[in-house]
């Protein structure tokens, strides 16, 4: 076993579980969520900071679709396509602000000799 710190600053776990027999589940109601969230993360240049992953059952199918955010321990239930932008504003956009407030390193000057 190897133990190490998490690779990403945030993980968004999107339940896409499908249950047998037509029982209530997240999968059919969360179609396209992962692609939408991943595309946003990528366009904001945060693919090395944020991981969007599909999950199986999170055991609250009746309250789905569900999205779980770590390490924040935030659980979104009954998520609709329209809710995804709010989740992105709350969970991902603060990382964009953090990135833009980092000090800018001055360019290194190269001295060439003739």
Protein backbone atom coordinates (compact mmCIF):
# COMPACT_ATOMS: atom_id res chain seq x y z
CA UNK A 1 0.00 0.00 0.00
CA UNK A 2 1.14 3.51 -0.77
CA UNK A 3 -0.20 6.56 1.03
CA UNK A 4 0.16 10.07 -0.33
CA UNK A 5 -1.64 13.38 -0.48
CA UNK A 6 -4.37 13.96 -3.02
CA UNK A 7 -3.27 15.00 -6.48
CA UNK A 8 -6.03 17.55 -7.10
CA UNK A 9 -7.34 20.45 -5.02
CA UNK A 10 -10.94 19.46 -5.66
CA UNK A 11 -12.76 16.34 -6.73
CA UNK A 12 -16.30 16.42 -8.08
CA UNK A 13 -17.89 12.98 -7.97
CA UNK A 14 -20.98 12.71 -10.16
CA UNK A 15 -23.21 9.69 -9.57
CA UNK A 16 -24.16 7.94 -12.80
CA UNK A 17 -25.42 4.74 -11.21
CA UNK A 18 -28.09 2.77 -13.06
CA UNK A 19 -30.26 0.37 -11.06
CA UNK A 20 -31.97 -2.71 -12.41
CA UNK A 21 -35.69 -2.94 -12.96
CA UNK A 22 -36.33 0.74 -13.57
CA UNK A 23 -35.79 1.65 -9.93
CA UNK A 24 -35.05 5.31 -9.17
CA UNK A 25 -31.38 6.14 -9.73
CA UNK A 26 -29.07 8.99 -10.71
CA UNK A 27 -27.75 7.70 -14.05
CA UNK A 28 -30.60 8.56 -16.40
CA UNK A 29 -31.01 11.97 -14.74
CA UNK A 30 -27.32 12.94 -14.75
CA UNK A 31 -26.57 12.25 -18.40
CA UNK A 32 -24.08 14.79 -19.72
CA UNK A 33 -23.20 16.26 -16.32
CA UNK A 34 -19.63 14.93 -16.27
CA UNK A 35 -18.87 16.19 -19.78
CA UNK A 36 -20.31 19.62 -18.98
CA UNK A 37 -18.30 19.97 -15.77
CA UNK A 38 -15.08 18.63 -17.35
CA UNK A 39 -15.39 21.02 -20.27
CA UNK A 40 -15.75 24.00 -17.92
CA UNK A 41 -12.74 22.93 -15.84
CA UNK A 42 -10.67 22.48 -18.99
CA UNK A 43 -11.64 25.83 -20.53
CA UNK A 44 -10.69 27.59 -17.28
CA UNK A 45 -7.25 25.96 -17.33
CA UNK A 46 -7.87 24.06 -14.10
CA UNK A 47 -7.48 20.49 -15.33
CA UNK A 48 -4.44 20.02 -13.08
CA UNK A 49 -6.33 21.29 -10.02
CA UNK A 50 -9.81 19.80 -10.41
CA UNK A 51 -10.86 16.24 -11.16
CA UNK A 52 -14.40 15.45 -12.29
CA UNK A 53 -15.18 11.75 -11.95
CA UNK A 54 -18.10 9.43 -12.54
CA UNK A 55 -19.15 7.32 -9.58
CA UNK A 56 -21.40 4.42 -8.94
CA UNK A 57 -24.07 4.44 -6.28
CA UNK A 58 -23.71 6.95 -3.45
CA UNK A 59 -26.66 5.29 -1.66
CA UNK A 60 -29.16 8.15 -1.86
CA UNK A 61 -30.72 7.38 -5.24
CA UNK A 62 -34.10 8.86 -4.34
CA UNK A 63 -32.46 12.25 -3.76
CA UNK A 64 -30.44 12.20 -6.97
CA UNK A 65 -28.80 13.11 -9.12
CA UNK A 66 -26.02 13.61 -6.59
CA UNK A 67 -22.68 15.40 -6.82
CA UNK A 68 -20.17 15.11 -4.02
CA UNK A 69 -17.28 17.60 -3.65
CA UNK A 70 -14.08 16.79 -1.78
CA UNK A 71 -12.22 17.87 0.24
CA UNK A 72 -15.01 20.35 1.02
CA UNK A 73 -17.45 17.59 2.06
CA UNK A 74 -20.27 19.26 0.16
CA UNK A 75 -23.11 17.13 -1.13
CA UNK A 76 -25.49 18.40 -3.81
CA UNK A 77 -28.73 16.44 -4.26
CA UNK A 78 -31.59 16.71 -6.74
CA UNK A 79 -29.16 18.37 -9.15
CA UNK A 80 -30.54 19.52 -12.50
CA UNK A 81 -28.68 20.65 -15.60
CA UNK A 82 -29.52 24.22 -14.59
CA UNK A 83 -27.84 23.74 -11.19
CA UNK A 84 -24.45 22.89 -12.70
CA UNK A 85 -23.52 26.54 -13.29
CA UNK A 86 -24.21 27.38 -9.64
CA UNK A 87 -22.07 24.43 -8.52
CA UNK A 88 -19.27 25.65 -10.80
CA UNK A 89 -19.57 29.19 -9.40
CA UNK A 90 -19.42 27.92 -5.82
CA UNK A 91 -16.78 25.21 -6.19
CA UNK A 92 -14.58 25.98 -9.20
CA UNK A 93 -14.63 29.74 -9.78
CA UNK A 94 -12.87 30.49 -6.46
CA UNK A 95 -9.90 28.52 -7.80
CA UNK A 96 -9.79 30.83 -10.81
CA UNK A 97 -9.58 33.85 -8.49
CA UNK A 98 -6.80 32.18 -6.51
CA UNK A 99 -4.88 31.55 -9.72
CA UNK A 100 -5.20 35.15 -10.91
CA UNK A 101 -4.02 36.62 -7.59
CA UNK A 102 -0.69 34.82 -7.64
CA UNK A 103 2.26 37.18 -8.04
CA UNK A 104 3.58 37.41 -11.55
CA UNK A 105 7.22 36.52 -11.92
CA UNK A 106 9.17 39.06 -13.97
CA UNK A 107 10.64 37.59 -17.13
CA UNK A 108 14.25 36.55 -16.92
CA UNK A 109 16.54 38.68 -19.06
CA UNK A 110 19.11 36.87 -21.08
CA UNK A 111 22.36 38.54 -21.84
CA UNK A 112 23.86 37.39 -25.08
CA UNK A 113 27.48 37.86 -25.80
CA UNK A 114 28.59 38.61 -29.32
